[in-house]
Structure formats: C-alpha cells, structure tokens
Amino acid sequence: MIKKNKKDTVIMNDDIRVKEVRCMGEDGHQYGIISTRDAMALADEQGLDLVLIAPDGKPPVAKIMNYGKFKYQEEKKKKEARKNQKVILVKEIKLSVKIAENDVSYKIKHAREFLAAGNHVKFRVFLRGREMANPQAGVEVLNRVWPMVEDIGVMDKNPRLEGRYVNMLVFPKKDETSKK
C-alpha cells in the first residue's frame, strides 16, 4: 500500500484483500467480475499494477494500469492547473483622518497605478486615540477618496469600521477589451 497522506491512500496489488473484483483493463476492456487472484495474474502478465479504484463498490472495482505513469500524469495536470491560476494581490493604502489634500492625491496616484496593473486596493484609515470616538470622520475620508478612483475601480466593500481601522476595498474594473 502506498501512503503519502491520509486522503491519498491507494490499495494496490497484494494489498487488495477482497475475494473478487470487477476488473477493467488499461485500454478500457471489461473483464467482468473475477477473483482477485485472476486479476493479479492478468496484471502481472501485462507487467502492470492492479489498483482498487472503488473499494466501496459491490463488488469493488479494480483497474489494471501503470500506477507510476498515472501518478506522474496527475501531478503534471495539477502543476499545469497551478500555472494557469491568476494570483490576486491586495495592495494597501494607509490614510489618516487629518490627511492633507496633496497627500491624498499622491496616494490616489499610487492606488490608480495598482488598479491599472490589475491589483485590488484596500484603503485603510487608522483611527488614533480620540478619533475612535468619531469613526464617521474615517468614513468621510474614504468617501472623499472614492470619486478619485471610481472611473477605474469598483467598490467591493463600502467604508466600514473594523477595529481601529475604517476599511474600503476596491477592485479594478473589467474592461470590454479583456472580455473579448
């Protein structure tokens, strides 16, 4: 029995402990319900492995295959799927309640670059000390910021208080050219 982890347990060859199995060949040929010994003999004849693919079936289903080649192809498919995944980065822009207008415009310039590159942008207003008594001031800062990025972004979360921060998440807009 080959065990890599708990969910990847494969019963094959001499580890099969049932009397008879529904046997399939590597090419899809159905041998029907035969004894496990006969199935093992068929697999040995072809120089392949007998792998139990449905141990809960009545009778269990076994397939004659090259298990090493099968595992290699599965790993190759997983690797290809990982390669085609798109990694989403969330960039963070930190602001404060008492931020000056030129500082806001500078940070918005960076946020627009991030959105143009296809990244998500999280705007955070940190509330210090007595600013916690008036979290609406942080929401107002984010409401001032939103019109500056709404032409290239989509607001996912409205500005809301989370702990000492008021957060707003913005995604890049999907343009028609990328859909085609």
Protein backbone atom coordinates (compact mmCIF):
# COMPACT_ATOMS: atom_id res chain seq x y z
CA MET A 1 0.00 0.00 0.00
CA ILE A 2 1.34 3.42 -0.97
CA LYS A 3 0.53 6.15 1.57
CA LYS A 4 1.56 9.75 1.03
CA ASN A 5 -1.05 11.34 3.25
CA LYS A 6 -4.37 10.36 4.76
CA LYS A 7 -6.51 11.39 1.78
CA ASP A 8 -4.16 9.80 -0.79
CA THR A 9 -4.41 6.13 0.27
CA VAL A 10 -4.23 3.68 -2.62
CA ILE A 11 -4.82 -0.05 -2.29
CA MET A 12 -3.00 -1.98 -4.98
CA ASN A 13 -1.52 -5.36 -5.94
CA ASP A 14 -1.01 -7.69 -2.95
CA ASP A 15 -2.73 -5.30 -0.51
CA ILE A 16 -6.16 -6.00 -2.07
CA ARG A 17 -7.94 -8.23 0.49
CA VAL A 18 -11.29 -8.95 -1.21
CA LYS A 19 -12.20 -12.28 -2.85
CA GLU A 20 -13.44 -10.92 -6.17
CA VAL A 21 -13.36 -7.62 -8.05
CA ARG A 22 -14.95 -6.05 -11.11
CA CYS A 23 -11.85 -5.77 -13.28
CA MET A 24 -11.13 -3.26 -16.05
CA GLY A 25 -8.13 -3.22 -18.37
CA GLU A 26 -5.86 -0.26 -19.07
CA ASP A 27 -7.44 0.18 -22.52
CA GLY A 28 -10.99 0.16 -21.05
CA HIS A 29 -11.66 -3.54 -21.71
CA GLN A 30 -14.10 -5.02 -19.18
CA TYR A 31 -13.04 -8.40 -17.74
CA GLY A 32 -16.16 -8.60 -15.58
CA ILE A 33 -16.33 -9.95 -12.04
CA ILE A 34 -13.33 -12.21 -11.49
CA SER A 35 -11.36 -13.43 -8.50
CA THR A 36 -8.63 -11.15 -7.18
CA ARG A 37 -6.02 -13.84 -7.88
CA ASP A 38 -7.03 -13.98 -11.57
CA ALA A 39 -6.98 -10.19 -11.80
CA MET A 40 -3.48 -10.14 -10.26
CA ALA A 41 -2.37 -12.77 -12.81
CA LEU A 42 -3.73 -10.62 -15.67
CA ALA A 43 -1.91 -7.54 -14.33
CA ASP A 44 1.36 -9.47 -13.92
CA GLU A 45 1.03 -10.84 -17.47
CA GLN A 46 0.84 -7.30 -18.81
CA GLY A 47 3.56 -6.03 -16.45
CA LEU A 48 1.15 -3.55 -14.83
CA ASP A 49 -0.41 -2.90 -11.40
CA LEU A 50 -3.87 -3.87 -10.15
CA VAL A 51 -5.28 -0.77 -8.42
CA LEU A 52 -8.51 -0.68 -6.41
CA ILE A 53 -10.28 2.43 -7.69
CA ALA A 54 -13.70 1.96 -6.00
CA PRO A 55 -13.18 -0.09 -2.82
CA ASP A 56 -16.72 0.64 -1.55
CA GLY A 57 -18.46 -0.87 -4.60
CA LYS A 58 -20.30 -4.21 -4.55
CA PRO A 59 -18.07 -5.86 -5.76
CA PRO A 60 -15.09 -3.46 -5.52
CA VAL A 61 -13.80 -2.09 -8.83
CA ALA A 62 -10.14 -2.63 -9.75
CA LYS A 63 -8.26 -1.37 -12.78
CA ILE A 64 -5.14 -2.73 -14.41
CA MET A 65 -2.84 0.24 -15.03
CA ASN A 66 0.70 1.56 -14.81
CA TYR A 67 0.30 3.30 -11.46
CA GLY A 68 3.60 5.21 -11.63
CA LYS A 69 2.67 6.69 -15.01
CA PHE A 70 -0.83 7.51 -13.73
CA LYS A 71 0.54 9.39 -10.69
CA TYR A 72 3.03 11.26 -12.90
CA GLN A 73 0.25 12.42 -15.23
CA GLU A 74 -1.92 13.50 -12.28
CA GLU A 75 0.94 15.59 -10.84
CA LYS A 76 1.54 17.10 -14.27
CA LYS A 77 -2.15 18.12 -14.54
CA LYS A 78 -2.06 19.69 -11.06
CA LYS A 79 1.10 21.62 -11.92
CA GLU A 80 -0.46 22.89 -15.16
CA ALA A 81 -3.60 23.99 -13.28
CA ARG A 82 -1.47 25.89 -10.75
CA LYS A 83 0.44 27.58 -13.55
CA ASN A 84 -2.79 28.88 -15.11
CA GLN A 85 -4.09 30.34 -11.85
CA LYS A 86 -4.16 34.10 -11.51
CA VAL A 87 -2.69 35.43 -8.27
CA ILE A 88 -4.63 38.37 -6.89
CA LEU A 89 -2.61 40.89 -4.94
CA VAL A 90 -4.25 43.23 -2.47
CA LYS A 91 -2.31 46.46 -2.14
CA GLU A 92 -2.94 48.60 0.91
CA ILE A 93 -3.11 52.38 1.04
CA LYS A 94 -2.99 53.82 4.57
CA LEU A 95 -4.63 57.15 5.26
CA SER A 96 -5.39 59.16 8.38
CA VAL A 97 -8.27 61.39 9.44
CA LYS A 98 -6.12 64.54 9.33
CA ILE A 99 -4.52 63.86 5.92
CA ALA A 100 -3.77 66.86 3.70
CA GLU A 101 -5.29 67.12 0.20
CA ASN A 102 -1.91 66.87 -1.60
CA ASP A 103 -1.08 63.69 0.40
CA VAL A 104 -4.43 62.22 -0.63
CA SER A 105 -3.75 62.95 -4.30
CA TYR A 106 -0.28 61.38 -4.04
CA LYS A 107 -1.70 58.20 -2.50
CA ILE A 108 -4.51 58.12 -5.07
CA LYS A 109 -1.87 58.26 -7.84
CA HIS A 110 -0.35 55.05 -6.42
CA ALA A 111 -3.78 53.45 -5.98
CA ARG A 112 -4.62 54.17 -9.64
CA GLU A 113 -1.33 52.53 -10.71
CA PHE A 114 -2.17 49.45 -8.64
CA LEU A 115 -5.69 49.25 -10.11
CA ALA A 116 -4.33 49.70 -13.65
CA ALA A 117 -1.96 46.79 -13.01
CA GLY A 118 -4.96 44.62 -12.06
CA ASN A 119 -4.40 44.54 -8.29
CA HIS A 120 -7.05 45.06 -5.63
CA VAL A 121 -6.60 48.08 -3.39
CA LYS A 122 -7.59 48.28 0.26
CA PHE A 123 -7.88 51.79 1.65
CA ARG A 124 -7.43 51.98 5.43
CA VAL A 125 -7.94 54.96 7.70
CA PHE A 126 -6.28 54.42 11.08
CA LEU A 127 -8.15 55.98 13.99
CA ARG A 128 -5.89 57.19 16.81
CA GLY A 129 -6.90 57.93 20.38
CA ARG A 130 -9.91 60.24 20.47
CA GLU A 131 -10.58 59.74 16.76
CA MET A 132 -12.16 56.41 17.83
CA ALA A 133 -14.99 58.43 19.36
CA ASN A 134 -15.89 59.68 15.86
CA PRO A 135 -15.32 56.87 13.32
CA GLN A 136 -17.55 58.74 10.87
CA ALA A 137 -14.53 61.00 10.19
CA GLY A 138 -12.69 57.99 8.71
CA VAL A 139 -15.69 57.13 6.55
CA GLU A 140 -15.75 60.73 5.30
CA VAL A 141 -12.06 60.49 4.28
CA LEU A 142 -12.81 57.35 2.26
CA ASN A 143 -15.91 58.97 0.74
CA ARG A 144 -13.59 61.81 -0.39
CA VAL A 145 -11.19 59.26 -1.91
CA TRP A 146 -13.80 57.17 -3.75
CA PRO A 147 -14.69 59.69 -6.54
CA MET A 148 -10.99 59.87 -7.45
CA VAL A 149 -10.79 56.14 -8.29
CA GLU A 150 -14.35 55.24 -9.29
CA ASP A 151 -13.60 55.64 -13.02
CA ILE A 152 -11.12 52.70 -12.94
CA GLY A 153 -12.35 50.78 -9.89
CA VAL A 154 -15.36 49.01 -8.44
CA MET A 155 -16.07 49.34 -4.71
CA ASP A 156 -16.43 45.87 -3.18
CA LYS A 157 -16.97 46.89 0.41
CA ASN A 158 -18.42 50.21 1.49
CA PRO A 159 -16.29 52.03 4.06
CA ARG A 160 -16.85 50.39 7.43
CA LEU A 161 -15.26 50.30 10.85
CA GLU A 162 -13.19 47.21 11.69
CA GLY A 163 -11.39 47.61 15.00
CA ARG A 164 -9.24 50.79 14.86
CA TYR A 165 -9.46 50.96 11.06
CA VAL A 166 -12.09 52.13 8.61
CA ASN A 167 -11.61 49.94 5.52
CA MET A 168 -12.76 50.11 1.91
CA LEU A 169 -11.87 47.50 -0.77
CA VAL A 170 -11.69 48.47 -4.45
CA PHE A 171 -11.33 46.08 -7.42
CA PRO A 172 -10.13 47.07 -10.89
CA LYS A 173 -12.93 47.49 -13.44
CA LYS A 174 -13.29 44.76 -16.04
CA ASP A 175 -12.93 46.44 -19.41
CA GLU A 176 -14.62 45.18 -22.59
CA THR A 177 -11.28 44.53 -24.35
CA SER A 178 -10.26 41.84 -21.82
CA LYS A 179 -13.60 40.02 -22.24
CA LYS A 180 -13.16 39.63 -26.00
